[in-house]
Amino acid sequence: MLLLSLLAVAGGVVRVARAPREPPGSAVFAPELRGGDLARQAALSRRAEALARPLQPGERVDVDRADVAELERLPRVGRELAHRIVAEREAHGPFGRLEGLRRVSGFGPAMLRALERTATFSGVARVVAEVPAGDLGVPRGPGPKGGAPPAACGSGPLELNAATAAELDCVPGVGPALAKRILADRQSRGPYGRVEDLDRVPGIGKRLVERLRPVLRVP
C-alpha cells in the first residue's frame, strides 16, 4: 500500500510539471521550451561544434561545394560573408579559382591572400560570352566594368604572349591603358620568356608582377 501511494504521488507531480494541453513530446520539467525552441537550440549547438573545429594543417575547404557552416571555418570568413558566397555561387555558378571570389562583395587582395592555403575549388566558372556592341541598345565599355565582360574573363590562367588587349583588361590589376602598353611592349621587344618580364613595361612593378603571377602564364 505504501508503494502504491508513492507511485500515485509521483504521477501527480509529473502531471503538474507538464503544461496543460501541450502536445506529446513536450518538455516535462521545462514546459517553457517548445519543440521549435529545442530544434533551434540543436541547430545552434551543431553550428558551434562546427566552428570549434579549426582547420587542420593541410586541410582545405572546397568553396565551390561547402555550405555556410563549413565556409565559416575559413580564416576571416564570418557568417554574413559565408552567406554571400553561397548566394553568389547559387546565382552565377562556381568560382573555379581563388580570383573568382572577387565576384563576392567584401573580397579584396588581403582576403584572397588569407585563403590561399585553405581554400580549394572543384568547379569550373562559367565563361560569359561576348555581347556585340549595340546589342540590347547598351554600348559596351572596356573590360568587365563596362557592359558585358568578354569571354576572356573566364577561369584559368591567361596566356601572356597570346592575350589580346581586351583579355588583358579582364585581369585584376590591369586596366585598358596598361593592357595596351603590354601589347606595345610585346610587339616591339618580342614575347615574354616569363611572367616576371612584365616589369619591363612602364607602370608595372615587382608588387604588381607578384599579383599577376597566378593569373598569367608563359608556355
C-alpha atoms as a PDB file:
ATOM      1  CA  MET A   1       0.000   0.000   0.000  1.00  0.00           C
ATOM      2  CA  LEU A   2       2.823   2.369   0.801  1.00  0.00           C
ATOM      3  CA  LEU A   3       4.435   1.695  -2.590  1.00  0.00           C
ATOM      4  CA  LEU A   4       1.164   2.340  -4.427  1.00  0.00           C
ATOM      5  CA  SER A   5       0.704   5.606  -2.529  1.00  0.00           C
ATOM      6  CA  LEU A   6       4.206   6.788  -3.518  1.00  0.00           C
ATOM      7  CA  LEU A   7       3.569   5.976  -7.202  1.00  0.00           C
ATOM      8  CA  ALA A   8       0.281   7.916  -7.120  1.00  0.00           C
ATOM      9  CA  VAL A   9       2.006  10.962  -5.628  1.00  0.00           C
ATOM     10  CA  ALA A  10       4.800  10.813  -8.242  1.00  0.00           C
ATOM     11  CA  GLY A  11       2.246  10.688 -11.063  1.00  0.00           C
ATOM     12  CA  GLY A  12       0.548  13.783  -9.725  1.00  0.00           C
ATOM     13  CA  VAL A  13       3.840  15.693  -9.625  1.00  0.00           C
ATOM     14  CA  VAL A  14       4.548  14.839 -13.291  1.00  0.00           C
ATOM     15  CA  ARG A  15       1.079  15.995 -14.337  1.00  0.00           C
ATOM     16  CA  VAL A  16       1.578  19.299 -12.541  1.00  0.00           C
ATOM     17  CA  ALA A  17       5.001  19.837 -14.146  1.00  0.00           C
ATOM     18  CA  ARG A  18       3.649  19.319 -17.683  1.00  0.00           C
ATOM     19  CA  ALA A  19       1.907  22.366 -19.126  1.00  0.00           C
ATOM     20  CA  PRO A  20      -1.780  21.842 -19.920  1.00  0.00           C
ATOM     21  CA  ARG A  21      -2.728  20.913 -23.465  1.00  0.00           C
ATOM     22  CA  GLU A  22       0.945  20.553 -24.530  1.00  0.00           C
ATOM     23  CA  PRO A  23       1.446  18.188 -27.465  1.00  0.00           C
ATOM     24  CA  PRO A  24       3.161  14.830 -26.948  1.00  0.00           C
ATOM     25  CA  GLY A  25       6.907  15.141 -26.672  1.00  0.00           C
ATOM     26  CA  SER A  26       6.879  18.469 -24.805  1.00  0.00           C
ATOM     27  CA  ALA A  27       9.386  19.036 -22.030  1.00  0.00           C
ATOM     28  CA  VAL A  28       8.179  17.518 -18.751  1.00  0.00           C
ATOM     29  CA  PHE A  29      10.259  19.539 -16.322  1.00  0.00           C
ATOM     30  CA  ALA A  30      10.778  22.617 -18.587  1.00  0.00           C
ATOM     31  CA  PRO A  31       7.390  23.346 -20.148  1.00  0.00           C
ATOM     32  CA  GLU A  32       8.535  26.829 -21.300  1.00  0.00           C
ATOM     33  CA  LEU A  33      10.734  25.194 -24.009  1.00  0.00           C
ATOM     34  CA  ARG A  34       8.650  24.395 -27.059  1.00  0.00           C
ATOM     35  CA  GLY A  35       9.535  21.917 -29.791  1.00  0.00           C
ATOM     36  CA  GLY A  36      10.692  24.681 -32.154  1.00  0.00           C
ATOM     37  CA  ASP A  37      12.969  26.119 -29.467  1.00  0.00           C
ATOM     38  CA  LEU A  38      14.565  22.726 -28.931  1.00  0.00           C
ATOM     39  CA  ALA A  39      15.220  22.365 -32.666  1.00  0.00           C
ATOM     40  CA  ARG A  40      16.783  25.836 -32.767  1.00  0.00           C
ATOM     41  CA  GLN A  41      18.985  25.031 -29.788  1.00  0.00           C
ATOM     42  CA  ALA A  42      20.105  21.838 -31.502  1.00  0.00           C
ATOM     43  CA  ALA A  43      20.943  23.752 -34.712  1.00  0.00           C
ATOM     44  CA  LEU A  44      22.926  26.359 -32.771  1.00  0.00           C
ATOM     45  CA  SER A  45      24.761  23.591 -30.966  1.00  0.00           C
ATOM     46  CA  ARG A  46      25.703  21.903 -34.249  1.00  0.00           C
ATOM     47  CA  ARG A  47      26.925  25.232 -35.682  1.00  0.00           C
ATOM     48  CA  ALA A  48      29.011  25.962 -32.575  1.00  0.00           C
ATOM     49  CA  GLU A  49      30.504  22.487 -32.810  1.00  0.00           C
ATOM     50  CA  ALA A  50      31.409  23.019 -36.474  1.00  0.00           C
ATOM     51  CA  LEU A  51      33.035  26.386 -35.754  1.00  0.00           C
ATOM     52  CA  ALA A  52      35.001  24.840 -32.917  1.00  0.00           C
ATOM     53  CA  ARG A  53      36.733  22.528 -35.403  1.00  0.00           C
ATOM     54  CA  PRO A  54      39.758  24.512 -36.620  1.00  0.00           C
ATOM     55  CA  LEU A  55      41.237  23.581 -39.955  1.00  0.00           C
ATOM     56  CA  GLN A  56      43.989  21.042 -39.584  1.00  0.00           C
ATOM     57  CA  PRO A  57      47.385  21.578 -41.277  1.00  0.00           C
ATOM     58  CA  GLY A  58      46.882  20.916 -44.965  1.00  0.00           C
ATOM     59  CA  GLU A  59      43.078  20.786 -44.698  1.00  0.00           C
ATOM     60  CA  ARG A  60      41.180  22.815 -47.276  1.00  0.00           C
ATOM     61  CA  VAL A  61      37.550  23.824 -47.770  1.00  0.00           C
ATOM     62  CA  ASP A  62      36.007  23.401 -51.223  1.00  0.00           C
ATOM     63  CA  VAL A  63      34.420  26.817 -51.771  1.00  0.00           C
ATOM     64  CA  ASP A  64      32.507  25.561 -54.815  1.00  0.00           C
ATOM     65  CA  ARG A  65      30.658  22.950 -52.700  1.00  0.00           C
ATOM     66  CA  ALA A  66      30.793  23.882 -48.995  1.00  0.00           C
ATOM     67  CA  ASP A  67      27.730  25.062 -47.089  1.00  0.00           C
ATOM     68  CA  VAL A  68      27.607  28.145 -44.883  1.00  0.00           C
ATOM     69  CA  ALA A  69      28.770  26.351 -41.725  1.00  0.00           C
ATOM     70  CA  GLU A  70      31.785  24.841 -43.497  1.00  0.00           C
ATOM     71  CA  LEU A  71      32.729  28.150 -45.143  1.00  0.00           C
ATOM     72  CA  GLU A  72      32.760  29.825 -41.732  1.00  0.00           C
ATOM     73  CA  ARG A  73      35.756  27.667 -40.824  1.00  0.00           C
ATOM     74  CA  LEU A  74      37.874  29.586 -43.337  1.00  0.00           C
ATOM     75  CA  PRO A  75      40.117  32.373 -41.999  1.00  0.00           C
ATOM     76  CA  ARG A  76      38.391  35.773 -41.772  1.00  0.00           C
ATOM     77  CA  VAL A  77      35.113  34.416 -43.202  1.00  0.00           C
ATOM     78  CA  GLY A  78      32.184  35.110 -40.875  1.00  0.00           C
ATOM     79  CA  ARG A  79      28.566  34.052 -41.172  1.00  0.00           C
ATOM     80  CA  GLU A  80      27.468  37.041 -43.262  1.00  0.00           C
ATOM     81  CA  LEU A  81      30.297  36.649 -45.766  1.00  0.00           C
ATOM     82  CA  ALA A  82      29.697  32.891 -45.952  1.00  0.00           C
ATOM     83  CA  HIS A  83      26.046  33.566 -46.831  1.00  0.00           C
ATOM     84  CA  ARG A  84      27.143  35.992 -49.584  1.00  0.00           C
ATOM     85  CA  ILE A  85      29.499  33.363 -51.012  1.00  0.00           C
ATOM     86  CA  VAL A  86      26.725  30.757 -51.185  1.00  0.00           C
ATOM     87  CA  ALA A  87      24.228  33.256 -52.662  1.00  0.00           C
ATOM     88  CA  GLU A  88      26.682  34.311 -55.386  1.00  0.00           C
ATOM     89  CA  ARG A  89      27.545  30.694 -56.166  1.00  0.00           C
ATOM     90  CA  GLU A  90      23.891  29.698 -56.467  1.00  0.00           C
ATOM     91  CA  ALA A  91      23.114  32.704 -58.663  1.00  0.00           C
ATOM     92  CA  HIS A  92      26.112  32.628 -61.020  1.00  0.00           C
ATOM     93  CA  GLY A  93      27.739  29.225 -60.671  1.00  0.00           C
ATOM     94  CA  PRO A  94      31.059  28.020 -59.207  1.00  0.00           C
ATOM     95  CA  PHE A  95      34.032  30.301 -58.725  1.00  0.00           C
ATOM     96  CA  GLY A  96      36.589  27.954 -60.288  1.00  0.00           C
ATOM     97  CA  ARG A  97      39.622  29.591 -58.670  1.00  0.00           C
ATOM     98  CA  LEU A  98      40.614  31.974 -55.908  1.00  0.00           C
ATOM     99  CA  GLU A  99      40.330  35.072 -58.116  1.00  0.00           C
ATOM    100  CA  GLY A 100      36.719  34.121 -58.806  1.00  0.00           C
ATOM    101  CA  LEU A 101      35.834  35.165 -55.253  1.00  0.00           C
ATOM    102  CA  ARG A 102      36.246  38.778 -56.347  1.00  0.00           C
ATOM    103  CA  ARG A 103      32.657  38.414 -57.549  1.00  0.00           C
ATOM    104  CA  VAL A 104      31.612  38.478 -53.880  1.00  0.00           C
ATOM    105  CA  SER A 105      31.337  41.814 -52.121  1.00  0.00           C
ATOM    106  CA  GLY A 106      33.961  42.062 -49.387  1.00  0.00           C
ATOM    107  CA  PHE A 107      36.758  40.176 -51.146  1.00  0.00           C
ATOM    108  CA  GLY A 108      39.896  42.149 -51.854  1.00  0.00           C
ATOM    109  CA  PRO A 109      43.563  41.239 -52.254  1.00  0.00           C
ATOM    110  CA  ALA A 110      44.073  40.815 -48.490  1.00  0.00           C
ATOM    111  CA  MET A 111      41.137  38.411 -48.157  1.00  0.00           C
ATOM    112  CA  LEU A 112      42.320  36.365 -51.139  1.00  0.00           C
ATOM    113  CA  ARG A 113      45.813  36.075 -49.668  1.00  0.00           C
ATOM    114  CA  ALA A 114      44.296  34.866 -46.381  1.00  0.00           C
ATOM    115  CA  LEU A 115      42.580  31.989 -48.200  1.00  0.00           C
ATOM    116  CA  GLU A 116      45.435  30.885 -50.459  1.00  0.00           C
ATOM    117  CA  ARG A 117      46.354  27.864 -48.298  1.00  0.00           C
ATOM    118  CA  THR A 118      42.917  26.904 -47.006  1.00  0.00           C
ATOM    119  CA  ALA A 119      40.506  27.232 -49.958  1.00  0.00           C
ATOM    120  CA  THR A 120      40.159  24.918 -52.930  1.00  0.00           C
ATOM    121  CA  PHE A 121      37.823  24.970 -55.931  1.00  0.00           C
ATOM    122  CA  SER A 122      36.424  21.888 -57.637  1.00  0.00           C
ATOM    123  CA  GLY A 123      34.020  23.654 -60.009  1.00  0.00           C
ATOM    124  CA  VAL A 124      34.502  25.387 -63.340  1.00  0.00           C
ATOM    125  CA  ALA A 125      33.497  29.031 -63.558  1.00  0.00           C
ATOM    126  CA  ARG A 126      31.074  29.989 -66.262  1.00  0.00           C
ATOM    127  CA  VAL A 127      32.552  31.741 -69.278  1.00  0.00           C
ATOM    128  CA  VAL A 128      30.465  34.763 -70.193  1.00  0.00           C
ATOM    129  CA  ALA A 129      30.036  35.108 -73.937  1.00  0.00           C
ATOM    130  CA  GLU A 130      30.923  38.422 -75.519  1.00  0.00           C
ATOM    131  CA  VAL A 131      27.965  40.636 -76.376  1.00  0.00           C
ATOM    132  CA  PRO A 132      28.436  42.623 -79.609  1.00  0.00           C
ATOM    133  CA  ALA A 133      28.417  46.386 -79.168  1.00  0.00           C
ATOM    134  CA  GLY A 134      24.958  47.844 -79.556  1.00  0.00           C
ATOM    135  CA  ASP A 135      23.085  44.653 -78.584  1.00  0.00           C
ATOM    136  CA  LEU A 136      20.055  45.478 -76.475  1.00  0.00           C
ATOM    137  CA  GLY A 137      20.915  49.133 -77.037  1.00  0.00           C
ATOM    138  CA  VAL A 138      23.646  49.070 -74.389  1.00  0.00           C
ATOM    139  CA  PRO A 139      27.118  50.227 -75.509  1.00  0.00           C
ATOM    140  CA  ARG A 140      29.987  48.036 -74.380  1.00  0.00           C
ATOM    141  CA  GLY A 141      32.764  49.664 -72.445  1.00  0.00           C
ATOM    142  CA  PRO A 142      36.306  48.390 -71.950  1.00  0.00           C
ATOM    143  CA  GLY A 143      36.820  45.303 -69.822  1.00  0.00           C
ATOM    144  CA  PRO A 144      34.476  43.712 -67.302  1.00  0.00           C
ATOM    145  CA  LYS A 145      33.356  47.010 -65.732  1.00  0.00           C
ATOM    146  CA  GLY A 146      31.649  48.458 -68.810  1.00  0.00           C
ATOM    147  CA  GLY A 147      28.884  46.395 -70.416  1.00  0.00           C
ATOM    148  CA  ALA A 148      29.156  42.620 -70.709  1.00  0.00           C
ATOM    149  CA  PRO A 149      32.583  41.107 -69.996  1.00  0.00           C
ATOM    150  CA  PRO A 150      34.303  39.321 -72.874  1.00  0.00           C
ATOM    151  CA  ALA A 151      34.863  35.593 -72.940  1.00  0.00           C
ATOM    152  CA  ALA A 152      38.431  36.053 -71.719  1.00  0.00           C
ATOM    153  CA  CYS A 153      37.111  36.801 -68.243  1.00  0.00           C
ATOM    154  CA  GLY A 154      36.524  33.089 -67.619  1.00  0.00           C
ATOM    155  CA  SER A 155      38.575  30.874 -65.338  1.00  0.00           C
ATOM    156  CA  GLY A 156      42.115  29.658 -65.872  1.00  0.00           C
ATOM    157  CA  PRO A 157      45.449  31.451 -66.271  1.00  0.00           C
ATOM    158  CA  LEU A 158      45.715  33.650 -69.353  1.00  0.00           C
ATOM    159  CA  GLU A 159      48.476  33.033 -71.899  1.00  0.00           C
ATOM    160  CA  LEU A 160      50.514  36.216 -71.737  1.00  0.00           C
ATOM    161  CA  ASN A 161      52.092  36.067 -75.195  1.00  0.00           C
ATOM    162  CA  ALA A 162      48.790  35.391 -76.991  1.00  0.00           C
ATOM    163  CA  ALA A 163      46.416  37.595 -74.989  1.00  0.00           C
ATOM    164  CA  THR A 164      44.602  40.479 -76.641  1.00  0.00           C
ATOM    165  CA  ALA A 165      44.130  43.898 -75.072  1.00  0.00           C
ATOM    166  CA  ALA A 166      40.539  43.019 -74.139  1.00  0.00           C
ATOM    167  CA  GLU A 167      41.663  39.778 -72.493  1.00  0.00           C
ATOM    168  CA  LEU A 168      44.392  41.520 -70.503  1.00  0.00           C
ATOM    169  CA  ASP A 169      41.896  44.176 -69.426  1.00  0.00           C
ATOM    170  CA  CYS A 170      39.945  41.401 -67.663  1.00  0.00           C
ATOM    171  CA  VAL A 171      42.923  40.522 -65.462  1.00  0.00           C
ATOM    172  CA  PRO A 172      42.602  42.070 -61.966  1.00  0.00           C
ATOM    173  CA  GLY A 173      45.080  44.923 -61.636  1.00  0.00           C
ATOM    174  CA  VAL A 174      45.357  45.541 -65.394  1.00  0.00           C
ATOM    175  CA  GLY A 175      43.285  48.342 -66.910  1.00  0.00           C
ATOM    176  CA  PRO A 176      42.821  49.390 -70.549  1.00  0.00           C
ATOM    177  CA  ALA A 177      45.874  51.661 -70.613  1.00  0.00           C
ATOM    178  CA  LEU A 178      48.190  49.091 -69.051  1.00  0.00           C
ATOM    179  CA  ALA A 179      46.868  46.360 -71.358  1.00  0.00           C
ATOM    180  CA  LYS A 180      47.777  48.499 -74.387  1.00  0.00           C
ATOM    181  CA  ARG A 181      51.273  49.125 -73.011  1.00  0.00           C
ATOM    182  CA  ILE A 182      51.805  45.381 -72.519  1.00  0.00           C
ATOM    183  CA  LEU A 183      50.815  44.715 -76.139  1.00  0.00           C
ATOM    184  CA  ALA A 184      53.007  47.550 -77.417  1.00  0.00           C
ATOM    185  CA  ASP A 185      55.984  46.246 -75.424  1.00  0.00           C
ATOM    186  CA  ARG A 186      55.394  42.681 -76.646  1.00  0.00           C
ATOM    187  CA  GLN A 187      55.243  43.816 -80.268  1.00  0.00           C
ATOM    188  CA  SER A 188      58.345  45.998 -80.062  1.00  0.00           C
ATOM    189  CA  ARG A 189      60.568  43.821 -77.865  1.00  0.00           C
ATOM    190  CA  GLY A 190      59.269  40.331 -78.561  1.00  0.00           C
ATOM    191  CA  PRO A 191      57.395  37.748 -76.463  1.00  0.00           C
ATOM    192  CA  TYR A 192      57.913  37.342 -72.751  1.00  0.00           C
ATOM    193  CA  GLY A 193      60.059  34.483 -71.510  1.00  0.00           C
ATOM    194  CA  ARG A 194      58.343  34.500 -68.112  1.00  0.00           C
ATOM    195  CA  VAL A 195      55.692  36.478 -66.256  1.00  0.00           C
ATOM    196  CA  GLU A 196      58.394  38.340 -64.311  1.00  0.00           C
ATOM    197  CA  ASP A 197      59.489  40.001 -67.576  1.00  0.00           C
ATOM    198  CA  LEU A 198      56.419  42.234 -67.305  1.00  0.00           C
ATOM    199  CA  ASP A 199      58.394  44.542 -65.025  1.00  0.00           C
ATOM    200  CA  ARG A 200      59.971  45.955 -68.198  1.00  0.00           C
ATOM    201  CA  VAL A 201      56.599  47.555 -69.025  1.00  0.00           C
ATOM    202  CA  PRO A 202      56.210  51.117 -67.697  1.00  0.00           C
ATOM    203  CA  GLY A 203      53.757  51.118 -64.813  1.00  0.00           C
ATOM    204  CA  ILE A 204      54.352  47.512 -63.760  1.00  0.00           C
ATOM    205  CA  GLY A 205      56.499  46.958 -60.703  1.00  0.00           C
ATOM    206  CA  LYS A 206      57.532  43.877 -58.790  1.00  0.00           C
ATOM    207  CA  ARG A 207      54.497  44.071 -56.497  1.00  0.00           C
ATOM    208  CA  LEU A 208      52.065  44.000 -59.415  1.00  0.00           C
ATOM    209  CA  VAL A 209      54.044  41.193 -61.048  1.00  0.00           C
ATOM    210  CA  GLU A 210      53.528  39.113 -57.898  1.00  0.00           C
ATOM    211  CA  ARG A 211      49.778  39.741 -58.117  1.00  0.00           C
ATOM    212  CA  LEU A 212      49.703  38.770 -61.797  1.00  0.00           C
ATOM    213  CA  ARG A 213      51.780  35.620 -61.444  1.00  0.00           C
ATOM    214  CA  PRO A 214      48.841  33.281 -60.525  1.00  0.00           C
ATOM    215  CA  VAL A 215      46.563  34.524 -63.324  1.00  0.00           C
ATOM    216  CA  LEU A 216      49.045  34.713 -66.214  1.00  0.00           C
ATOM    217  CA  ARG A 217      51.176  32.008 -67.784  1.00  0.00           C
ATOM    218  CA  VAL A 218      54.005  31.771 -70.280  1.00  0.00           C
ATOM    219  CA  PRO A 219      54.186  28.343 -72.028  1.00  0.00           C
END
